[in-house]
PDB file of all heavy atoms in Angstrom:
ATOM      1  N   ASN A   1      15.199 -15.245   6.934  1.00  0.00           N
ATOM      2  CA  ASN A   1      15.799 -14.069   7.798  1.00  0.00           C
ATOM      3  C   ASN A   1      14.726 -13.022   8.281  1.00  0.00           C
ATOM      4  O   ASN A   1      15.112 -12.115   8.776  1.00  0.00           O
ATOM      5  CB  ASN A   1      16.888 -13.394   7.030  1.00  0.00           C
ATOM      6  CG  ASN A   1      18.100 -14.412   6.781  1.00  0.00           C
ATOM      7  OD1 ASN A   1      18.134 -15.547   7.273  1.00  0.00           O
ATOM      8  ND2 ASN A   1      19.022 -13.973   6.000  1.00  0.00           N
ATOM      9  N   ILE A   2      13.533 -13.169   7.789  1.00  0.00           N
ATOM     10  CA  ILE A   2      12.517 -12.248   8.028  1.00  0.00           C
ATOM     11  C   ILE A   2      11.901 -12.491   9.339  1.00  0.00           C
ATOM     12  O   ILE A   2      11.588 -13.473   9.742  1.00  0.00           O
ATOM     13  CB  ILE A   2      11.420 -12.313   6.820  1.00  0.00           C
ATOM     14  CG1 ILE A   2      12.108 -12.331   5.474  1.00  0.00           C
ATOM     15  CG2 ILE A   2      10.465 -11.196   6.958  1.00  0.00           C
ATOM     16  CD1 ILE A   2      13.019 -11.224   5.106  1.00  0.00           C
ATOM     17  N   ASP A   3      11.661 -11.292   9.988  1.00  0.00           N
ATOM     18  CA  ASP A   3      10.922 -11.293  11.272  1.00  0.00           C
ATOM     19  C   ASP A   3       9.493 -11.418  11.063  1.00  0.00           C
ATOM     20  O   ASP A   3       8.815 -10.430  10.784  1.00  0.00           O
ATOM     21  CB  ASP A   3      11.294 -10.089  12.099  1.00  0.00           C
ATOM     22  CG  ASP A   3      10.645 -10.078  13.399  1.00  0.00           C
ATOM     23  OD1 ASP A   3      10.238 -11.178  13.920  1.00  0.00           O
ATOM     24  OD2 ASP A   3      10.378  -8.973  13.997  1.00  0.00           O
ATOM     25  N   SER A   4       8.873 -12.631  11.131  1.00  0.00           N
ATOM     26  CA  SER A   4       7.403 -12.783  11.036  1.00  0.00           C
ATOM     27  C   SER A   4       6.724 -12.740  12.374  1.00  0.00           C
ATOM     28  O   SER A   4       5.473 -12.881  12.481  1.00  0.00           O
ATOM     29  CB  SER A   4       7.147 -14.127  10.286  1.00  0.00           C
ATOM     30  OG  SER A   4       7.629 -15.151  11.006  1.00  0.00           O
ATOM     31  N   SER A   5       7.415 -12.554  13.450  1.00  0.00           N
ATOM     32  CA  SER A   5       6.803 -12.397  14.717  1.00  0.00           C
ATOM     33  C   SER A   5       6.049 -11.162  14.910  1.00  0.00           C
ATOM     34  O   SER A   5       5.201 -10.958  15.780  1.00  0.00           O
ATOM     35  CB  SER A   5       7.825 -12.611  15.898  1.00  0.00           C
ATOM     36  OG  SER A   5       8.759 -11.504  15.790  1.00  0.00           O
ATOM     37  N   SER A   6       6.301 -10.195  14.029  1.00  0.00           N
ATOM     38  CA  SER A   6       5.564  -8.955  14.199  1.00  0.00           C
ATOM     39  C   SER A   6       4.130  -8.956  13.634  1.00  0.00           C
ATOM     40  O   SER A   6       3.375  -8.129  13.922  1.00  0.00           O
ATOM     41  CB  SER A   6       6.339  -7.813  13.477  1.00  0.00           C
ATOM     42  OG  SER A   6       6.445  -8.046  12.094  1.00  0.00           O
ATOM     43  N   ILE A   7       3.783 -10.070  12.948  1.00  0.00           N
ATOM     44  CA  ILE A   7       2.518 -10.250  12.419  1.00  0.00           C
ATOM     45  C   ILE A   7       1.689 -10.986  13.412  1.00  0.00           C
ATOM     46  O   ILE A   7       1.893 -12.088  13.743  1.00  0.00           O
ATOM     47  CB  ILE A   7       2.510 -11.122  11.133  1.00  0.00           C
ATOM     48  CG1 ILE A   7       3.391 -10.357  10.073  1.00  0.00           C
ATOM     49  CG2 ILE A   7       1.147 -11.361  10.610  1.00  0.00           C
ATOM     50  CD1 ILE A   7       3.752 -11.223   8.874  1.00  0.00           C
ATOM     51  N   THR A   8       0.754 -10.260  14.022  1.00  0.00           N
ATOM     52  CA  THR A   8      -0.109 -10.769  15.058  1.00  0.00           C
ATOM     53  C   THR A   8      -1.046 -11.832  14.581  1.00  0.00           C
ATOM     54  O   THR A   8      -1.257 -12.836  15.266  1.00  0.00           O
ATOM     55  CB  THR A   8      -0.792  -9.646  15.859  1.00  0.00           C
ATOM     56  OG1 THR A   8      -1.611  -8.923  14.879  1.00  0.00           O
ATOM     57  CG2 THR A   8       0.220  -8.666  16.519  1.00  0.00           C
ATOM     58  N   GLU A   9      -1.711 -11.532  13.499  1.00  0.00           N
ATOM     59  CA  GLU A   9      -2.707 -12.548  12.918  1.00  0.00           C
ATOM     60  C   GLU A   9      -2.235 -12.967  11.606  1.00  0.00           C
ATOM     61  O   GLU A   9      -2.084 -12.128  10.650  1.00  0.00           O
ATOM     62  CB  GLU A   9      -4.058 -11.834  12.833  1.00  0.00           C
ATOM     63  CG  GLU A   9      -4.643 -11.359  14.122  1.00  0.00           C
ATOM     64  CD  GLU A   9      -5.855 -10.542  14.026  1.00  0.00           C
ATOM     65  OE1 GLU A   9      -6.419 -10.443  12.871  1.00  0.00           O
ATOM     66  OE2 GLU A   9      -6.298  -9.870  14.941  1.00  0.00           O
ATOM     67  N   PRO A  10      -2.032 -14.172  11.399  1.00  0.00           N
ATOM     68  CA  PRO A  10      -1.440 -14.683  10.139  1.00  0.00           C
ATOM     69  C   PRO A  10      -2.657 -14.532   9.029  1.00  0.00           C
ATOM     70  O   PRO A  10      -3.780 -14.838   9.344  1.00  0.00           O
ATOM     71  CB  PRO A  10      -1.067 -16.168  10.431  1.00  0.00           C
ATOM     72  CG  PRO A  10      -1.780 -16.509  11.534  1.00  0.00           C
ATOM     73  CD  PRO A  10      -2.010 -15.328  12.406  1.00  0.00           C
ATOM     74  N   PHE A  11      -2.151 -14.248   7.841  1.00  0.00           N
ATOM     75  CA  PHE A  11      -3.096 -14.179   6.782  1.00  0.00           C
ATOM     76  C   PHE A  11      -2.924 -15.398   5.885  1.00  0.00           C
ATOM     77  O   PHE A  11      -1.752 -15.903   5.726  1.00  0.00           O
ATOM     78  CB  PHE A  11      -2.783 -12.890   5.981  1.00  0.00           C
ATOM     79  CG  PHE A  11      -3.154 -11.621   6.595  1.00  0.00           C
ATOM     80  CD1 PHE A  11      -2.246 -11.027   7.428  1.00  0.00           C
ATOM     81  CD2 PHE A  11      -4.427 -11.118   6.465  1.00  0.00           C
ATOM     82  CE1 PHE A  11      -2.664  -9.820   8.073  1.00  0.00           C
ATOM     83  CE2 PHE A  11      -4.807  -9.938   7.051  1.00  0.00           C
ATOM     84  CZ  PHE A  11      -3.902  -9.338   7.811  1.00  0.00           C
ATOM     85  N   ASN A  12      -3.990 -15.848   5.308  1.00  0.00           N
ATOM     86  CA  ASN A  12      -3.983 -16.954   4.336  1.00  0.00           C
ATOM     87  C   ASN A  12      -4.084 -16.378   2.957  1.00  0.00           C
ATOM     88  O   ASN A  12      -4.865 -15.527   2.669  1.00  0.00           O
ATOM     89  CB  ASN A  12      -5.131 -17.905   4.611  1.00  0.00           C
ATOM     90  CG  ASN A  12      -4.967 -18.619   5.911  1.00  0.00           C
ATOM     91  OD1 ASN A  12      -3.819 -19.022   6.332  1.00  0.00           O
ATOM     92  ND2 ASN A  12      -6.034 -18.821   6.584  1.00  0.00           N
ATOM     93  N   TYR A  13      -3.144 -16.811   2.084  1.00  0.00           N
ATOM     94  CA  TYR A  13      -3.170 -16.414   0.698  1.00  0.00           C
ATOM     95  C   TYR A  13      -3.632 -17.653  -0.158  1.00  0.00           C
ATOM     96  O   TYR A  13      -3.073 -18.723  -0.143  1.00  0.00           O
ATOM     97  CB  TYR A  13      -1.763 -16.026   0.318  1.00  0.00           C
ATOM     98  CG  TYR A  13      -1.310 -14.797   0.838  1.00  0.00           C
ATOM     99  CD1 TYR A  13      -0.896 -14.784   2.232  1.00  0.00           C
ATOM    100  CD2 TYR A  13      -1.279 -13.603   0.252  1.00  0.00           C
ATOM    101  CE1 TYR A  13      -0.388 -13.596   2.793  1.00  0.00           C
ATOM    102  CE2 TYR A  13      -0.783 -12.457   0.905  1.00  0.00           C
ATOM    103  CZ  TYR A  13      -0.304 -12.388   2.073  1.00  0.00           C
ATOM    104  OH  TYR A  13       0.105 -11.208   2.741  1.00  0.00           O
ATOM    105  N   SER A  14      -4.626 -17.340  -0.893  1.00  0.00           N
ATOM    106  CA  SER A  14      -5.109 -18.355  -1.868  1.00  0.00           C
ATOM    107  C   SER A  14      -5.302 -17.845  -3.258  1.00  0.00           C
ATOM    108  O   SER A  14      -5.642 -16.696  -3.402  1.00  0.00           O
ATOM    109  CB  SER A  14      -6.400 -19.062  -1.381  1.00  0.00           C
ATOM    110  OG  SER A  14      -7.388 -18.100  -1.228  1.00  0.00           O
ATOM    111  N   ILE A  15      -5.038 -18.678  -4.313  1.00  0.00           N
ATOM    112  CA  ILE A  15      -5.155 -18.270  -5.599  1.00  0.00           C
ATOM    113  C   ILE A  15      -6.654 -18.472  -6.102  1.00  0.00           C
ATOM    114  O   ILE A  15      -7.254 -19.533  -6.021  1.00  0.00           O
ATOM    115  CB  ILE A  15      -4.277 -19.098  -6.605  1.00  0.00           C
ATOM    116  CG1 ILE A  15      -2.926 -18.784  -6.230  1.00  0.00           C
ATOM    117  CG2 ILE A  15      -4.575 -18.790  -8.027  1.00  0.00           C
ATOM    118  CD1 ILE A  15      -1.832 -19.641  -6.982  1.00  0.00           C
ATOM    119  N   ASN A  16      -7.264 -17.411  -6.567  1.00  0.00           N
ATOM    120  CA  ASN A  16      -8.716 -17.445  -7.020  1.00  0.00           C
ATOM    121  C   ASN A  16      -8.671 -17.748  -8.522  1.00  0.00           C
ATOM    122  O   ASN A  16      -9.491 -18.443  -8.961  1.00  0.00           O
ATOM    123  CB  ASN A  16      -9.364 -16.064  -6.889  1.00  0.00           C
ATOM    124  CG  ASN A  16      -9.881 -15.960  -5.450  1.00  0.00           C
ATOM    125  OD1 ASN A  16     -10.023 -16.837  -4.670  1.00  0.00           O
ATOM    126  ND2 ASN A  16     -10.156 -14.661  -5.073  1.00  0.00           N
ATOM    127  N   LYS A  17      -7.699 -17.071  -9.294  1.00  0.00           N
ATOM    128  CA  LYS A  17      -7.821 -17.195 -10.712  1.00  0.00           C
ATOM    129  C   LYS A  17      -6.421 -17.058 -11.280  1.00  0.00           C
ATOM    130  O   LYS A  17      -5.667 -16.179 -10.909  1.00  0.00           O
ATOM    131  CB  LYS A  17      -8.740 -16.103 -11.234  1.00  0.00           C
ATOM    132  CG  LYS A  17      -8.930 -16.164 -12.748  1.00  0.00           C
ATOM    133  CD  LYS A  17      -9.918 -14.979 -13.050  1.00  0.00           C
ATOM    134  CE  LYS A  17      -9.960 -14.581 -14.472  1.00  0.00           C
ATOM    135  NZ  LYS A  17     -10.877 -13.569 -14.823  1.00  0.00           N
ATOM    136  N   LYS A  18      -6.055 -17.950 -12.127  1.00  0.00           N
ATOM    137  CA  LYS A  18      -4.740 -17.896 -12.736  1.00  0.00           C
ATOM    138  C   LYS A  18      -4.840 -16.919 -14.003  1.00  0.00           C
ATOM    139  O   LYS A  18      -5.762 -16.985 -14.744  1.00  0.00           O
ATOM    140  CB  LYS A  18      -4.217 -19.243 -13.309  1.00  0.00           C
ATOM    141  CG  LYS A  18      -4.040 -20.227 -12.084  1.00  0.00           C
ATOM    142  CD  LYS A  18      -3.703 -21.598 -12.549  1.00  0.00           C
ATOM    143  CE  LYS A  18      -3.707 -22.641 -11.384  1.00  0.00           C
ATOM    144  NZ  LYS A  18      -3.310 -23.907 -11.811  1.00  0.00           N
ATOM    145  N   LEU A  19      -3.824 -16.078 -14.195  1.00  0.00           N
ATOM    146  CA  LEU A  19      -3.692 -15.247 -15.248  1.00  0.00           C
ATOM    147  C   LEU A  19      -2.494 -15.427 -16.124  1.00  0.00           C
ATOM    148  O   LEU A  19      -1.701 -16.221 -15.752  1.00  0.00           O
ATOM    149  CB  LEU A  19      -3.778 -13.683 -14.756  1.00  0.00           C
ATOM    150  CG  LEU A  19      -4.868 -13.313 -13.875  1.00  0.00           C
ATOM    151  CD1 LEU A  19      -4.607 -11.921 -13.268  1.00  0.00           C
ATOM    152  CD2 LEU A  19      -6.200 -13.292 -14.487  1.00  0.00           C
ATOM    153  N   LEU A  20      -2.377 -14.805 -17.280  1.00  0.00           N
ATOM    154  CA  LEU A  20      -1.201 -14.971 -18.087  1.00  0.00           C
ATOM    155  C   LEU A  20       0.065 -14.539 -17.472  1.00  0.00           C
ATOM    156  O   LEU A  20       1.161 -15.076 -17.814  1.00  0.00           O
ATOM    157  CB  LEU A  20      -1.470 -14.398 -19.422  1.00  0.00           C
ATOM    158  CG  LEU A  20      -2.573 -14.952 -20.367  1.00  0.00           C
ATOM    159  CD1 LEU A  20      -2.769 -14.177 -21.573  1.00  0.00           C
ATOM    160  CD2 LEU A  20      -2.164 -16.419 -20.709  1.00  0.00           C
ATOM    161  N   ASN A  21      -0.066 -13.489 -16.675  1.00  0.00           N
ATOM    162  CA  ASN A  21       1.202 -12.938 -16.069  1.00  0.00           C
ATOM    163  C   ASN A  21       1.105 -12.991 -14.589  1.00  0.00           C
ATOM    164  O   ASN A  21       1.811 -12.104 -13.926  1.00  0.00           O
ATOM    165  CB  ASN A  21       1.404 -11.499 -16.572  1.00  0.00           C
ATOM    166  CG  ASN A  21       0.301 -10.532 -16.179  1.00  0.00           C
ATOM    167  OD1 ASN A  21      -0.771 -11.046 -15.838  1.00  0.00           O
ATOM    168  ND2 ASN A  21       0.606  -9.266 -16.206  1.00  0.00           N
ATOM    169  N   GLY A  22       0.301 -13.736 -13.973  1.00  0.00           N
ATOM    170  CA  GLY A  22       0.189 -13.844 -12.444  1.00  0.00           C
ATOM    171  C   GLY A  22      -1.084 -14.418 -12.050  1.00  0.00           C
ATOM    172  O   GLY A  22      -1.493 -15.463 -12.684  1.00  0.00           O
ATOM    173  N   ALA A  23      -1.615 -13.903 -11.013  1.00  0.00           N
ATOM    174  CA  ALA A  23      -2.882 -14.560 -10.468  1.00  0.00           C
ATOM    175  C   ALA A  23      -3.596 -13.492  -9.660  1.00  0.00           C
ATOM    176  O   ALA A  23      -3.055 -12.643  -9.152  1.00  0.00           O
ATOM    177  CB  ALA A  23      -2.490 -15.762  -9.667  1.00  0.00           C
ATOM    178  N   ASP A  24      -4.904 -13.762  -9.567  1.00  0.00           N
ATOM    179  CA  ASP A  24      -5.759 -13.082  -8.619  1.00  0.00           C
ATOM    180  C   ASP A  24      -5.703 -13.875  -7.241  1.00  0.00           C
ATOM    181  O   ASP A  24      -5.987 -15.045  -7.334  1.00  0.00           O
ATOM    182  CB  ASP A  24      -7.268 -12.891  -9.165  1.00  0.00           C
ATOM    183  CG  ASP A  24      -7.372 -11.909 -10.207  1.00  0.00           C
ATOM    184  OD1 ASP A  24      -6.527 -11.039 -10.281  1.00  0.00           O
ATOM    185  OD2 ASP A  24      -8.327 -11.983 -10.943  1.00  0.00           O
ATOM    186  N   LEU A  25      -5.534 -13.127  -6.208  1.00  0.00           N
ATOM    187  CA  LEU A  25      -5.431 -13.874  -4.893  1.00  0.00           C
ATOM    188  C   LEU A  25      -6.521 -13.362  -3.974  1.00  0.00           C
ATOM    189  O   LEU A  25      -7.128 -12.334  -4.219  1.00  0.00           O
ATOM    190  CB  LEU A  25      -4.106 -13.383  -4.262  1.00  0.00           C
ATOM    191  CG  LEU A  25      -2.744 -13.659  -5.008  1.00  0.00           C
ATOM    192  CD1 LEU A  25      -1.692 -13.194  -4.201  1.00  0.00           C
ATOM    193  CD2 LEU A  25      -2.592 -15.220  -5.222  1.00  0.00           C
ATOM    194  N   LEU A  26      -6.650 -14.120  -2.938  1.00  0.00           N
ATOM    195  CA  LEU A  26      -7.485 -13.695  -1.809  1.00  0.00           C
ATOM    196  C   LEU A  26      -6.642 -13.764  -0.532  1.00  0.00           C
ATOM    197  O   LEU A  26      -6.094 -14.749  -0.222  1.00  0.00           O
ATOM    198  CB  LEU A  26      -8.758 -14.643  -1.731  1.00  0.00           C
ATOM    199  CG  LEU A  26      -9.684 -14.294  -0.604  1.00  0.00           C
ATOM    200  CD1 LEU A  26     -10.432 -12.963  -0.939  1.00  0.00           C
ATOM    201  CD2 LEU A  26     -10.764 -15.461  -0.466  1.00  0.00           C
ATOM    202  N   ILE A  27      -6.597 -12.716   0.107  1.00  0.00           N
ATOM    203  CA  ILE A  27      -5.911 -12.610   1.262  1.00  0.00           C
ATOM    204  C   ILE A  27      -6.995 -12.463   2.533  1.00  0.00           C
ATOM    205  O   ILE A  27      -7.779 -11.655   2.483  1.00  0.00           O
ATOM    206  CB  ILE A  27      -5.044 -11.245   1.343  1.00  0.00           C
ATOM    207  CG1 ILE A  27      -4.077 -11.248   0.285  1.00  0.00           C
ATOM    208  CG2 ILE A  27      -4.253 -11.110   2.762  1.00  0.00           C
ATOM    209  CD1 ILE A  27      -3.308  -9.919   0.191  1.00  0.00           C
TER     210      ILE A  27
END
């Protein structure tokens, strides 16, 4: 239901490093 048309340039999210309670990402 989210309006993603307002985002002009899409971002890529990738996981750099897995942590015990989450992860480090690269946007």
